[in-house]
Amino acid sequence: MPYERVDWRGEVPGQPWSNIDGTREKDKGVVVHYSGPPTGLGRGEVSLFDQVANEIDYQMKPGLYSPGFTVNGMMYHFVVWEDSVYQIRDEDAKLWHAADGTAEDSWNYSAFSVHVPIGQGQQASVKTIQTLQEFCDDLLGGMNLGRDRLKGHQEISSTDCPGTLMDDFVRPYRTGGELGPHEPPIKPVRYNLCASDGPDAEVAKVAEEQLKSKGITEVQLVTESHQIRYVSDVAYSTVPVGTVVAIHVGRPTLEHLTREARDSFELDWDTSDNWSCVGDDLDHTKKLVGSALKEVWARECTRLHDLLVAPFLEAVGYEESP
């Protein structure tokens, strides 16, 4: 399917040349990006041009990027949508899109940035994915690089970007796998108990049973790596907060989680819906799961939390350390 090239440099807000002094020919690879918040494109709520223009206006807000960067346009060279590729910036423009600094060999300066305007939880269409594949083939071929030089933004810096495009495009593109869109691996419910190790999963199973016994049915045990990653992503990004909660029982191995979910281990109950129950040992983990159940109980009920927490701790054989 031949795609159409459209030049929007003279039409979108901002200026087509670099926002940072100087230019650089691209020779490192391609970085794929998405919009972050869900967009109304797929539902026909906004035109592609207006979506792009709105994102540019947001990116040009003073102080959004590090001090010293005067942003006068979009931080992506190209936008891909359906069967067309829209050029937004000059191809040799140095842009701040990968957040890996300003060295000449950084991905920021030496790689093309390609943007698909979907948001968290949204998936690009089959046609968009096909155009993205053909266009990235052309970009990498022009640099005499292989498919291994295509990256998702989250593989360079701490971000969830490019969302579903990691599984629908980035990973299968590099390995020759089947491109998406793929069905989500699991449907997140309100409370998702994520555990990858056997003993942790047993503790999570008891917590699931305790919640259900008290009438809190929107809860499930999640154990597979791709499922944990998916519900963690949704919990991290869902607005309003609390719609989906990932309760990590123990610390799943890193491949289970995106950077955002890993970062959430540093947050407390009030600032994240990726809750961490990572104890120094299994007994400590059990106590932390009890604390998580207390928080669930406080959200769901007005009765005393002891009706839920105490039976759970007894069921898992929790013993207070001396």
C-alpha atoms as a PDB file:
ATOM      1  CA  MET A   1       0.000   0.000   0.000  1.00  0.00           C
ATOM      2  CA  PRO A   2       1.782   3.162  -1.136  1.00  0.00           C
ATOM      3  CA  TYR A   3       1.354   5.948   1.388  1.00  0.00           C
ATOM      4  CA  GLU A   4       0.865   9.629   0.594  1.00  0.00           C
ATOM      5  CA  ARG A   5       3.355  12.262   1.728  1.00  0.00           C
ATOM      6  CA  VAL A   6       1.840  15.569   2.843  1.00  0.00           C
ATOM      7  CA  ASP A   7       3.876  18.639   3.801  1.00  0.00           C
ATOM      8  CA  TRP A   8       2.284  20.524   6.698  1.00  0.00           C
ATOM      9  CA  ARG A   9       5.337  22.584   7.658  1.00  0.00           C
ATOM     10  CA  GLY A  10       3.820  25.771   6.340  1.00  0.00           C
ATOM     11  CA  GLU A  11       0.381  25.174   7.842  1.00  0.00           C
ATOM     12  CA  VAL A  12       0.748  24.003  11.444  1.00  0.00           C
ATOM     13  CA  PRO A  13       1.578  26.337  14.355  1.00  0.00           C
ATOM     14  CA  GLY A  14       5.204  27.099  15.060  1.00  0.00           C
ATOM     15  CA  GLN A  15       8.129  27.053  12.655  1.00  0.00           C
ATOM     16  CA  PRO A  16       9.529  24.161  10.612  1.00  0.00           C
ATOM     17  CA  TRP A  17      13.173  24.662  11.493  1.00  0.00           C
ATOM     18  CA  SER A  18      15.035  23.467  14.554  1.00  0.00           C
ATOM     19  CA  ASN A  19      14.126  24.765  17.994  1.00  0.00           C
ATOM     20  CA  ILE A  20      17.752  24.279  19.048  1.00  0.00           C
ATOM     21  CA  ASP A  21      20.684  25.986  17.292  1.00  0.00           C
ATOM     22  CA  GLY A  22      22.022  23.994  14.403  1.00  0.00           C
ATOM     23  CA  THR A  23      20.891  21.012  12.383  1.00  0.00           C
ATOM     24  CA  ARG A  24      21.971  17.399  12.103  1.00  0.00           C
ATOM     25  CA  GLU A  25      21.581  14.715   9.473  1.00  0.00           C
ATOM     26  CA  LYS A  26      19.826  11.695  10.962  1.00  0.00           C
ATOM     27  CA  ASP A  27      21.910   8.511  11.151  1.00  0.00           C
ATOM     28  CA  LYS A  28      20.962   6.783  14.445  1.00  0.00           C
ATOM     29  CA  GLY A  29      17.484   5.423  13.848  1.00  0.00           C
ATOM     30  CA  VAL A  30      13.787   6.106  14.410  1.00  0.00           C
ATOM     31  CA  VAL A  31      11.840   6.716  17.636  1.00  0.00           C
ATOM     32  CA  VAL A  32       8.076   6.075  17.719  1.00  0.00           C
ATOM     33  CA  HIS A  33       5.819   8.289  19.860  1.00  0.00           C
ATOM     34  CA  TYR A  34       2.161   8.696  20.786  1.00  0.00           C
ATOM     35  CA  SER A  35       0.010  11.493  22.265  1.00  0.00           C
ATOM     36  CA  GLY A  36      -0.275  10.446  25.908  1.00  0.00           C
ATOM     37  CA  PRO A  37      -3.857  11.368  26.868  1.00  0.00           C
ATOM     38  CA  PRO A  38      -6.535   9.614  24.775  1.00  0.00           C
ATOM     39  CA  THR A  39      -7.457  11.518  21.616  1.00  0.00           C
ATOM     40  CA  GLY A  40     -10.822  11.932  19.878  1.00  0.00           C
ATOM     41  CA  LEU A  41      -9.521  11.033  16.428  1.00  0.00           C
ATOM     42  CA  GLY A  42     -10.846   7.495  16.268  1.00  0.00           C
ATOM     43  CA  ARG A  43     -14.298   8.683  17.362  1.00  0.00           C
ATOM     44  CA  GLY A  44     -14.418  11.569  14.904  1.00  0.00           C
ATOM     45  CA  GLU A  45     -14.452  14.155  17.696  1.00  0.00           C
ATOM     46  CA  VAL A  46     -11.545  16.154  16.255  1.00  0.00           C
ATOM     47  CA  SER A  47      -9.847  16.473  12.883  1.00  0.00           C
ATOM     48  CA  LEU A  48      -6.288  15.253  12.428  1.00  0.00           C
ATOM     49  CA  PHE A  49      -5.078  18.789  11.732  1.00  0.00           C
ATOM     50  CA  ASP A  50      -6.724  20.174  14.872  1.00  0.00           C
ATOM     51  CA  GLN A  51      -5.301  17.310  16.957  1.00  0.00           C
ATOM     52  CA  VAL A  52      -1.794  18.004  15.678  1.00  0.00           C
ATOM     53  CA  ALA A  53      -2.208  21.772  16.116  1.00  0.00           C
ATOM     54  CA  ASN A  54      -3.444  21.304  19.695  1.00  0.00           C
ATOM     55  CA  GLU A  55      -0.446  19.116  20.529  1.00  0.00           C
ATOM     56  CA  ILE A  56       1.926  21.694  19.056  1.00  0.00           C
ATOM     57  CA  ASP A  57       0.324  24.486  21.088  1.00  0.00           C
ATOM     58  CA  TYR A  58       0.753  22.359  24.216  1.00  0.00           C
ATOM     59  CA  GLN A  59       4.396  21.574  23.459  1.00  0.00           C
ATOM     60  CA  MET A  60       5.161  25.244  22.907  1.00  0.00           C
ATOM     61  CA  LYS A  61       3.966  26.220  26.388  1.00  0.00           C
ATOM     62  CA  PRO A  62       6.730  28.179  28.138  1.00  0.00           C
ATOM     63  CA  GLY A  63       8.580  26.116  30.718  1.00  0.00           C
ATOM     64  CA  LEU A  64       7.293  22.740  29.545  1.00  0.00           C
ATOM     65  CA  TYR A  65      10.766  21.581  28.566  1.00  0.00           C
ATOM     66  CA  SER A  66      14.070  22.030  30.347  1.00  0.00           C
ATOM     67  CA  PRO A  67      15.308  25.608  30.827  1.00  0.00           C
ATOM     68  CA  GLY A  68      17.228  26.831  27.815  1.00  0.00           C
ATOM     69  CA  PHE A  69      15.008  25.171  25.211  1.00  0.00           C
ATOM     70  CA  THR A  70      12.959  27.585  23.167  1.00  0.00           C
ATOM     71  CA  VAL A  71      10.261  25.404  21.620  1.00  0.00           C
ATOM     72  CA  ASN A  72       8.811  26.888  18.460  1.00  0.00           C
ATOM     73  CA  GLY A  73       7.097  23.877  16.959  1.00  0.00           C
ATOM     74  CA  MET A  74       6.260  20.222  17.309  1.00  0.00           C
ATOM     75  CA  MET A  75       8.897  17.876  18.710  1.00  0.00           C
ATOM     76  CA  TYR A  76       8.173  15.238  16.062  1.00  0.00           C
ATOM     77  CA  HIS A  77       9.407  15.251  12.488  1.00  0.00           C
ATOM     78  CA  PHE A  78       6.499  13.243  11.080  1.00  0.00           C
ATOM     79  CA  VAL A  79       2.921  12.285  11.925  1.00  0.00           C
ATOM     80  CA  VAL A  80       1.515   9.015  10.571  1.00  0.00           C
ATOM     81  CA  TRP A  81      -2.237   8.520  10.272  1.00  0.00           C
ATOM     82  CA  GLU A  82      -4.152   6.013   8.163  1.00  0.00           C
ATOM     83  CA  ASP A  83      -2.564   5.977   4.671  1.00  0.00           C
ATOM     84  CA  SER A  84      -0.639   9.271   4.910  1.00  0.00           C
ATOM     85  CA  VAL A  85       2.594  10.651   6.369  1.00  0.00           C
ATOM     86  CA  TYR A  86       2.575  14.322   7.357  1.00  0.00           C
ATOM     87  CA  GLN A  87       5.857  16.188   7.592  1.00  0.00           C
ATOM     88  CA  ILE A  88       5.795  18.656  10.493  1.00  0.00           C
ATOM     89  CA  ARG A  89       9.461  19.657  10.868  1.00  0.00           C
ATOM     90  CA  ASP A  90      12.548  19.813   8.664  1.00  0.00           C
ATOM     91  CA  GLU A  91      14.188  16.395   8.473  1.00  0.00           C
ATOM     92  CA  ASP A  92      17.509  17.659   9.865  1.00  0.00           C
ATOM     93  CA  ALA A  93      15.907  19.579  12.759  1.00  0.00           C
ATOM     94  CA  LYS A  94      17.321  18.841  16.208  1.00  0.00           C
ATOM     95  CA  LEU A  95      14.278  18.136  18.361  1.00  0.00           C
ATOM     96  CA  TRP A  96      13.711  17.294  22.041  1.00  0.00           C
ATOM     97  CA  HIS A  97      11.626  14.138  21.714  1.00  0.00           C
ATOM     98  CA  ALA A  98      13.523  11.251  23.374  1.00  0.00           C
ATOM     99  CA  ALA A  99      14.689  13.032  26.548  1.00  0.00           C
ATOM    100  CA  ASP A 100      18.244  11.681  26.345  1.00  0.00           C
ATOM    101  CA  GLY A 101      20.182  14.937  26.292  1.00  0.00           C
ATOM    102  CA  THR A 102      21.758  17.131  23.662  1.00  0.00           C
ATOM    103  CA  ALA A 103      24.848  15.203  22.626  1.00  0.00           C
ATOM    104  CA  GLU A 104      25.284  15.017  18.877  1.00  0.00           C
ATOM    105  CA  ASP A 105      24.813  11.232  18.971  1.00  0.00           C
ATOM    106  CA  SER A 106      21.726  11.368  21.224  1.00  0.00           C
ATOM    107  CA  TRP A 107      18.451   9.975  19.970  1.00  0.00           C
ATOM    108  CA  ASN A 108      17.070  13.492  20.393  1.00  0.00           C
ATOM    109  CA  TYR A 109      19.452  14.939  17.841  1.00  0.00           C
ATOM    110  CA  SER A 110      20.411  12.059  15.569  1.00  0.00           C
ATOM    111  CA  ALA A 111      17.168  10.083  15.141  1.00  0.00           C
ATOM    112  CA  PHE A 112      13.888  10.742  13.362  1.00  0.00           C
ATOM    113  CA  SER A 113      10.828  11.125  15.574  1.00  0.00           C
ATOM    114  CA  VAL A 114       7.643   9.582  14.178  1.00  0.00           C
ATOM    115  CA  HIS A 115       4.346  10.316  15.919  1.00  0.00           C
ATOM    116  CA  VAL A 116       1.039   8.422  15.851  1.00  0.00           C
ATOM    117  CA  PRO A 117      -1.685  10.559  17.505  1.00  0.00           C
ATOM    118  CA  ILE A 118      -3.340   7.941  19.684  1.00  0.00           C
ATOM    119  CA  GLY A 119      -3.431   8.024  23.478  1.00  0.00           C
ATOM    120  CA  GLN A 120      -3.288   5.704  26.462  1.00  0.00           C
ATOM    121  CA  GLY A 121      -5.355   2.553  25.916  1.00  0.00           C
ATOM    122  CA  GLN A 122      -6.081   3.400  22.284  1.00  0.00           C
ATOM    123  CA  GLN A 123      -4.841   1.390  19.335  1.00  0.00           C
ATOM    124  CA  ALA A 124      -3.832   2.485  15.852  1.00  0.00           C
ATOM    125  CA  SER A 125      -5.813   1.082  12.929  1.00  0.00           C
ATOM    126  CA  VAL A 126      -4.530  -1.674  10.665  1.00  0.00           C
ATOM    127  CA  LYS A 127      -4.032   0.895   7.906  1.00  0.00           C
ATOM    128  CA  THR A 128      -2.038   3.235  10.180  1.00  0.00           C
ATOM    129  CA  ILE A 129       0.176   0.366  11.335  1.00  0.00           C
ATOM    130  CA  GLN A 130       0.813  -0.647   7.726  1.00  0.00           C
ATOM    131  CA  THR A 131       1.737   2.916   6.758  1.00  0.00           C
ATOM    132  CA  LEU A 132       3.985   3.152   9.818  1.00  0.00           C
ATOM    133  CA  GLN A 133       5.774  -0.036   8.781  1.00  0.00           C
ATOM    134  CA  GLU A 134       6.380   1.118   5.209  1.00  0.00           C
ATOM    135  CA  PHE A 135       7.473   4.595   6.257  1.00  0.00           C
ATOM    136  CA  CYS A 136       9.885   3.332   8.923  1.00  0.00           C
ATOM    137  CA  ASP A 137      11.313   0.897   6.364  1.00  0.00           C
ATOM    138  CA  ASP A 138      11.984   3.862   4.080  1.00  0.00           C
ATOM    139  CA  LEU A 139      13.531   5.999   6.838  1.00  0.00           C
ATOM    140  CA  LEU A 140      15.821   3.238   8.082  1.00  0.00           C
ATOM    141  CA  GLY A 141      16.712   2.200   4.560  1.00  0.00           C
ATOM    142  CA  GLY A 142      17.706   5.779   3.789  1.00  0.00           C
ATOM    143  CA  MET A 143      20.150   5.624   6.701  1.00  0.00           C
ATOM    144  CA  ASN A 144      21.380   2.138   5.740  1.00  0.00           C
ATOM    145  CA  LEU A 145      20.141   0.803   9.075  1.00  0.00           C
ATOM    146  CA  GLY A 146      18.252  -2.348   9.996  1.00  0.00           C
ATOM    147  CA  ARG A 147      14.980  -2.725  11.849  1.00  0.00           C
ATOM    148  CA  ASP A 148      16.830  -3.119  15.142  1.00  0.00           C
ATOM    149  CA  ARG A 149      17.427   0.644  15.068  1.00  0.00           C
ATOM    150  CA  LEU A 150      13.757   1.427  15.654  1.00  0.00           C
ATOM    151  CA  LYS A 151      12.842   2.234  19.257  1.00  0.00           C
ATOM    152  CA  GLY A 152       9.776   3.036  21.277  1.00  0.00           C
ATOM    153  CA  HIS A 153      10.203   6.219  23.339  1.00  0.00           C
ATOM    154  CA  GLN A 154       9.941   4.232  26.608  1.00  0.00           C
ATOM    155  CA  GLU A 155      13.046   2.273  25.648  1.00  0.00           C
ATOM    156  CA  ILE A 156      15.137   5.452  25.786  1.00  0.00           C
ATOM    157  CA  SER A 157      13.691   7.397  28.720  1.00  0.00           C
ATOM    158  CA  SER A 158      11.139   7.059  31.515  1.00  0.00           C
ATOM    159  CA  THR A 159       7.723   7.258  29.877  1.00  0.00           C
ATOM    160  CA  ASP A 160       4.812   5.057  28.829  1.00  0.00           C
ATOM    161  CA  CYS A 161       5.057   6.413  25.268  1.00  0.00           C
ATOM    162  CA  PRO A 162       4.211   4.963  22.733  1.00  0.00           C
ATOM    163  CA  GLY A 163       1.602   2.955  24.637  1.00  0.00           C
ATOM    164  CA  THR A 164      -0.049   0.122  22.704  1.00  0.00           C
ATOM    165  CA  LEU A 165       2.300   0.752  19.773  1.00  0.00           C
ATOM    166  CA  MET A 166       5.012  -1.144  21.667  1.00  0.00           C
ATOM    167  CA  ASP A 167       3.145  -4.440  21.269  1.00  0.00           C
ATOM    168  CA  ASP A 168       1.213  -3.564  18.114  1.00  0.00           C
ATOM    169  CA  PHE A 169       4.212  -2.263  16.174  1.00  0.00           C
ATOM    170  CA  VAL A 170       7.626  -1.664  17.770  1.00  0.00           C
ATOM    171  CA  ARG A 171       8.420  -5.125  19.122  1.00  0.00           C
ATOM    172  CA  PRO A 172       6.959  -7.195  16.250  1.00  0.00           C
ATOM    173  CA  TYR A 173       8.524  -4.819  13.693  1.00  0.00           C
ATOM    174  CA  ARG A 174      11.988  -5.534  15.063  1.00  0.00           C
ATOM    175  CA  THR A 175      11.510  -9.290  15.331  1.00  0.00           C
ATOM    176  CA  GLY A 176       9.459  -9.934  12.218  1.00  0.00           C
ATOM    177  CA  GLY A 177       6.401 -10.838  14.282  1.00  0.00           C
ATOM    178  CA  GLU A 178       2.769 -10.215  13.484  1.00  0.00           C
ATOM    179  CA  LEU A 179       1.878  -6.527  13.574  1.00  0.00           C
ATOM    180  CA  GLY A 180      -1.203  -5.344  15.473  1.00  0.00           C
ATOM    181  CA  PRO A 181      -3.577  -4.105  16.477  1.00  0.00           C
ATOM    182  CA  HIS A 182      -3.702  -6.981  18.962  1.00  0.00           C
ATOM    183  CA  GLU A 183      -6.446  -7.662  21.446  1.00  0.00           C
ATOM    184  CA  PRO A 184      -5.539  -6.540  24.980  1.00  0.00           C
ATOM    185  CA  PRO A 185      -4.207  -9.581  26.901  1.00  0.00           C
ATOM    186  CA  ILE A 186      -6.669  -9.166  29.765  1.00  0.00           C
ATOM    187  CA  LYS A 187      -9.500  -6.848  30.691  1.00  0.00           C
ATOM    188  CA  PRO A 188      -8.515  -4.895  33.803  1.00  0.00           C
ATOM    189  CA  VAL A 189     -11.117  -4.738  36.534  1.00  0.00           C
ATOM    190  CA  ARG A 190     -11.200  -2.294  39.423  1.00  0.00           C
ATOM    191  CA  TYR A 191      -8.612  -4.114  41.582  1.00  0.00           C
ATOM    192  CA  ASN A 192      -5.910  -6.231  39.914  1.00  0.00           C
ATOM    193  CA  LEU A 193      -3.642  -8.242  42.225  1.00  0.00           C
ATOM    194  CA  CYS A 194      -0.401  -8.660  40.259  1.00  0.00           C
ATOM    195  CA  ALA A 195       1.990 -11.409  41.342  1.00  0.00           C
ATOM    196  CA  SER A 196       4.601 -13.280  39.318  1.00  0.00           C
ATOM    197  CA  ASP A 197       6.102 -15.638  41.925  1.00  0.00           C
ATOM    198  CA  GLY A 198       4.296 -18.667  43.377  1.00  0.00           C
ATOM    199  CA  PRO A 199       4.267 -17.675  47.079  1.00  0.00           C
ATOM    200  CA  ASP A 200       3.250 -14.102  46.227  1.00  0.00           C
ATOM    201  CA  ALA A 201       0.481 -15.406  43.967  1.00  0.00           C
ATOM    202  CA  GLU A 202      -0.839 -17.541  46.825  1.00  0.00           C
ATOM    203  CA  VAL A 203      -1.026 -14.459  49.060  1.00  0.00           C
ATOM    204  CA  ALA A 204      -2.737 -12.501  46.267  1.00  0.00           C
ATOM    205  CA  LYS A 205      -5.252 -15.321  45.786  1.00  0.00           C
ATOM    206  CA  VAL A 206      -6.262 -15.143  49.435  1.00  0.00           C
ATOM    207  CA  ALA A 207      -6.655 -11.363  49.149  1.00  0.00           C
ATOM    208  CA  GLU A 208      -8.858 -11.842  46.073  1.00  0.00           C
ATOM    209  CA  GLU A 209     -11.064 -14.311  47.961  1.00  0.00           C
ATOM    210  CA  GLN A 210     -11.311 -12.002  50.970  1.00  0.00           C
ATOM    211  CA  LEU A 211     -12.440  -9.063  48.851  1.00  0.00           C
ATOM    212  CA  LYS A 212     -15.011 -11.132  47.018  1.00  0.00           C
ATOM    213  CA  SER A 213     -16.329 -12.555  50.283  1.00  0.00           C
ATOM    214  CA  LYS A 214     -17.119  -9.004  51.389  1.00  0.00           C
ATOM    215  CA  GLY A 215     -19.015  -8.175  48.205  1.00  0.00           C
ATOM    216  CA  ILE A 216     -16.157  -6.467  46.337  1.00  0.00           C
ATOM    217  CA  THR A 217     -16.378  -8.435  43.089  1.00  0.00           C
ATOM    218  CA  GLU A 218     -14.346  -6.210  40.745  1.00  0.00           C
ATOM    219  CA  VAL A 219     -11.086  -7.942  41.644  1.00  0.00           C
ATOM    220  CA  GLN A 220      -8.884 -10.523  39.918  1.00  0.00           C
ATOM    221  CA  LEU A 221      -5.520 -12.247  40.241  1.00  0.00           C
ATOM    222  CA  VAL A 222      -3.092 -11.384  37.394  1.00  0.00           C
ATOM    223  CA  THR A 223       0.029 -13.528  37.002  1.00  0.00           C
ATOM    224  CA  GLU A 224       1.241 -13.517  33.375  1.00  0.00           C
ATOM    225  CA  SER A 225       3.938 -10.995  32.438  1.00  0.00           C
ATOM    226  CA  HIS A 226       2.046  -9.414  29.538  1.00  0.00           C
ATOM    227  CA  GLN A 227      -1.108  -9.210  31.646  1.00  0.00           C
ATOM    228  CA  ILE A 228       0.718  -7.558  34.551  1.00  0.00           C
ATOM    229  CA  ARG A 229       2.276  -5.035  32.205  1.00  0.00           C
ATOM    230  CA  TYR A 230      -1.078  -4.225  30.624  1.00  0.00           C
ATOM    231  CA  VAL A 231      -3.059  -3.680  33.819  1.00  0.00           C
ATOM    232  CA  SER A 232      -0.144  -1.719  35.291  1.00  0.00           C
ATOM    233  CA  ASP A 233      -0.147   0.585  32.271  1.00  0.00           C
ATOM    234  CA  VAL A 234      -3.898   1.104  32.496  1.00  0.00           C
ATOM    235  CA  ALA A 235      -3.801   1.697  36.249  1.00  0.00           C
ATOM    236  CA  TYR A 236      -0.976   4.197  35.885  1.00  0.00           C
ATOM    237  CA  SER A 237      -2.764   6.227  33.236  1.00  0.00           C
ATOM    238  CA  THR A 238      -6.492   5.850  33.928  1.00  0.00           C
ATOM    239  CA  VAL A 239      -8.363   9.070  34.669  1.00  0.00           C
ATOM    240  CA  PRO A 240     -10.040   9.524  37.078  1.00  0.00           C
ATOM    241  CA  VAL A 241      -7.659   7.959  39.567  1.00  0.00           C
ATOM    242  CA  GLY A 242      -9.043   4.817  41.118  1.00  0.00           C
ATOM    243  CA  THR A 243     -10.873   3.449  38.075  1.00  0.00           C
ATOM    244  CA  VAL A 244      -8.292   0.655  37.771  1.00  0.00           C
ATOM    245  CA  VAL A 245      -5.850  -0.249  40.554  1.00  0.00           C
ATOM    246  CA  ALA A 246      -2.835  -2.559  40.195  1.00  0.00           C
ATOM    247  CA  ILE A 247      -1.772  -3.999  43.546  1.00  0.00           C
ATOM    248  CA  HIS A 248       1.699  -5.478  43.108  1.00  0.00           C
ATOM    249  CA  VAL A 249       2.140  -8.359  45.544  1.00  0.00           C
ATOM    250  CA  GLY A 250       5.887  -8.706  45.813  1.00  0.00           C
ATOM    251  CA  ARG A 251       8.016  -7.172  43.091  1.00  0.00           C
ATOM    252  CA  PRO A 252       7.340  -8.668  39.659  1.00  0.00           C
ATOM    253  CA  THR A 253      10.437  -8.997  37.513  1.00  0.00           C
ATOM    254  CA  LEU A 254      11.280  -5.937  35.448  1.00  0.00           C
ATOM    255  CA  GLU A 255      10.046  -7.368  32.160  1.00  0.00           C
ATOM    256  CA  HIS A 256       6.568  -7.443  33.671  1.00  0.00           C
ATOM    257  CA  LEU A 257       6.407  -3.679  34.064  1.00  0.00           C
ATOM    258  CA  THR A 258       6.841  -0.474  32.167  1.00  0.00           C
ATOM    259  CA  ARG A 259       8.967   2.320  33.603  1.00  0.00           C
ATOM    260  CA  GLU A 260       5.904   4.080  35.032  1.00  0.00           C
ATOM    261  CA  ALA A 261       4.844   1.037  36.988  1.00  0.00           C
ATOM    262  CA  ARG A 262       8.392   0.606  38.282  1.00  0.00           C
ATOM    263  CA  ASP A 263       8.494   4.253  39.306  1.00  0.00           C
ATOM    264  CA  SER A 264       5.190   3.825  41.160  1.00  0.00           C
ATOM    265  CA  PHE A 265       6.960   1.627  43.718  1.00  0.00           C
ATOM    266  CA  GLU A 266       8.323   4.889  45.125  1.00  0.00           C
ATOM    267  CA  LEU A 267       4.832   6.373  45.543  1.00  0.00           C
ATOM    268  CA  ASP A 268       2.332   6.016  48.364  1.00  0.00           C
ATOM    269  CA  TRP A 269      -1.324   5.032  48.430  1.00  0.00           C
ATOM    270  CA  ASP A 270      -2.541   8.584  47.836  1.00  0.00           C
ATOM    271  CA  THR A 271      -0.451   9.385  44.759  1.00  0.00           C
ATOM    272  CA  SER A 272      -0.596   6.218  42.676  1.00  0.00           C
ATOM    273  CA  ASP A 273      -2.945   3.487  41.607  1.00  0.00           C
ATOM    274  CA  ASN A 274      -0.066   1.124  41.150  1.00  0.00           C
ATOM    275  CA  TRP A 275       0.215   0.018  44.774  1.00  0.00           C
ATOM    276  CA  SER A 276       3.379  -1.726  45.876  1.00  0.00           C
ATOM    277  CA  CYS A 277       3.346  -4.511  48.455  1.00  0.00           C
ATOM    278  CA  VAL A 278       7.059  -5.298  48.364  1.00  0.00           C
ATOM    279  CA  GLY A 279       8.154  -6.694  51.708  1.00  0.00           C
ATOM    280  CA  ASP A 280      11.628  -7.530  52.973  1.00  0.00           C
ATOM    281  CA  ASP A 281      10.347 -11.095  53.234  1.00  0.00           C
ATOM    282  CA  LEU A 282       7.101 -12.957  52.548  1.00  0.00           C
ATOM    283  CA  ASP A 283       5.726 -12.205  56.009  1.00  0.00           C
ATOM    284  CA  HIS A 284       6.289  -8.499  55.499  1.00  0.00           C
ATOM    285  CA  THR A 285       4.645  -8.699  52.082  1.00  0.00           C
ATOM    286  CA  LYS A 286       1.564 -10.217  53.689  1.00  0.00           C
ATOM    287  CA  LYS A 287       1.326  -7.279  56.082  1.00  0.00           C
ATOM    288  CA  LEU A 288       1.626  -4.803  53.206  1.00  0.00           C
ATOM    289  CA  VAL A 289      -1.143  -6.585  51.312  1.00  0.00           C
ATOM    290  CA  GLY A 290      -3.228  -6.205  54.459  1.00  0.00           C
ATOM    291  CA  SER A 291      -2.551  -2.462  54.324  1.00  0.00           C
ATOM    292  CA  ALA A 292      -3.655  -2.428  50.695  1.00  0.00           C
ATOM    293  CA  LEU A 293      -6.869  -4.217  51.612  1.00  0.00           C
ATOM    294  CA  LYS A 294      -7.417  -1.615  54.315  1.00  0.00           C
ATOM    295  CA  GLU A 295      -7.192   1.081  51.644  1.00  0.00           C
ATOM    296  CA  VAL A 296      -9.587  -0.843  49.373  1.00  0.00           C
ATOM    297  CA  TRP A 297     -11.975  -1.223  52.279  1.00  0.00           C
ATOM    298  CA  ALA A 298     -11.791   2.506  53.046  1.00  0.00           C
ATOM    299  CA  ARG A 299     -12.658   3.295  49.423  1.00  0.00           C
ATOM    300  CA  GLU A 300     -15.480   0.812  49.144  1.00  0.00           C
ATOM    301  CA  CYS A 301     -17.107   0.697  52.575  1.00  0.00           C
ATOM    302  CA  THR A 302     -17.750   2.772  55.661  1.00  0.00           C
ATOM    303  CA  ARG A 303     -17.524  -0.140  58.131  1.00  0.00           C
ATOM    304  CA  LEU A 304     -14.450  -1.038  60.113  1.00  0.00           C
ATOM    305  CA  HIS A 305     -11.611  -2.391  58.012  1.00  0.00           C
ATOM    306  CA  ASP A 306     -10.928  -5.109  60.586  1.00  0.00           C
ATOM    307  CA  LEU A 307     -13.801  -7.066  59.051  1.00  0.00           C
ATOM    308  CA  LEU A 308     -11.586  -7.543  56.006  1.00  0.00           C
ATOM    309  CA  VAL A 309      -7.965  -7.159  57.063  1.00  0.00           C
ATOM    310  CA  ALA A 310      -7.878  -9.311  60.170  1.00  0.00           C
ATOM    311  CA  PRO A 311      -9.402 -12.383  58.456  1.00  0.00           C
ATOM    312  CA  PHE A 312      -6.956 -11.980  55.569  1.00  0.00           C
ATOM    313  CA  LEU A 313      -3.888 -11.837  57.807  1.00  0.00           C
ATOM    314  CA  GLU A 314      -5.140 -14.884  59.682  1.00  0.00           C
ATOM    315  CA  ALA A 315      -5.778 -16.760  56.424  1.00  0.00           C
ATOM    316  CA  VAL A 316      -2.248 -16.169  55.107  1.00  0.00           C
ATOM    317  CA  GLY A 317      -0.645 -17.003  58.439  1.00  0.00           C
ATOM    318  CA  TYR A 318       0.882 -13.575  59.015  1.00  0.00           C
ATOM    319  CA  GLU A 319       3.000 -13.340  62.138  1.00  0.00           C
ATOM    320  CA  GLU A 320       4.252 -10.072  63.540  1.00  0.00           C
ATOM    321  CA  SER A 321       8.048  -9.975  63.635  1.00  0.00           C
ATOM    322  CA  PRO A 322       9.483  -9.831  67.171  1.00  0.00           C
END
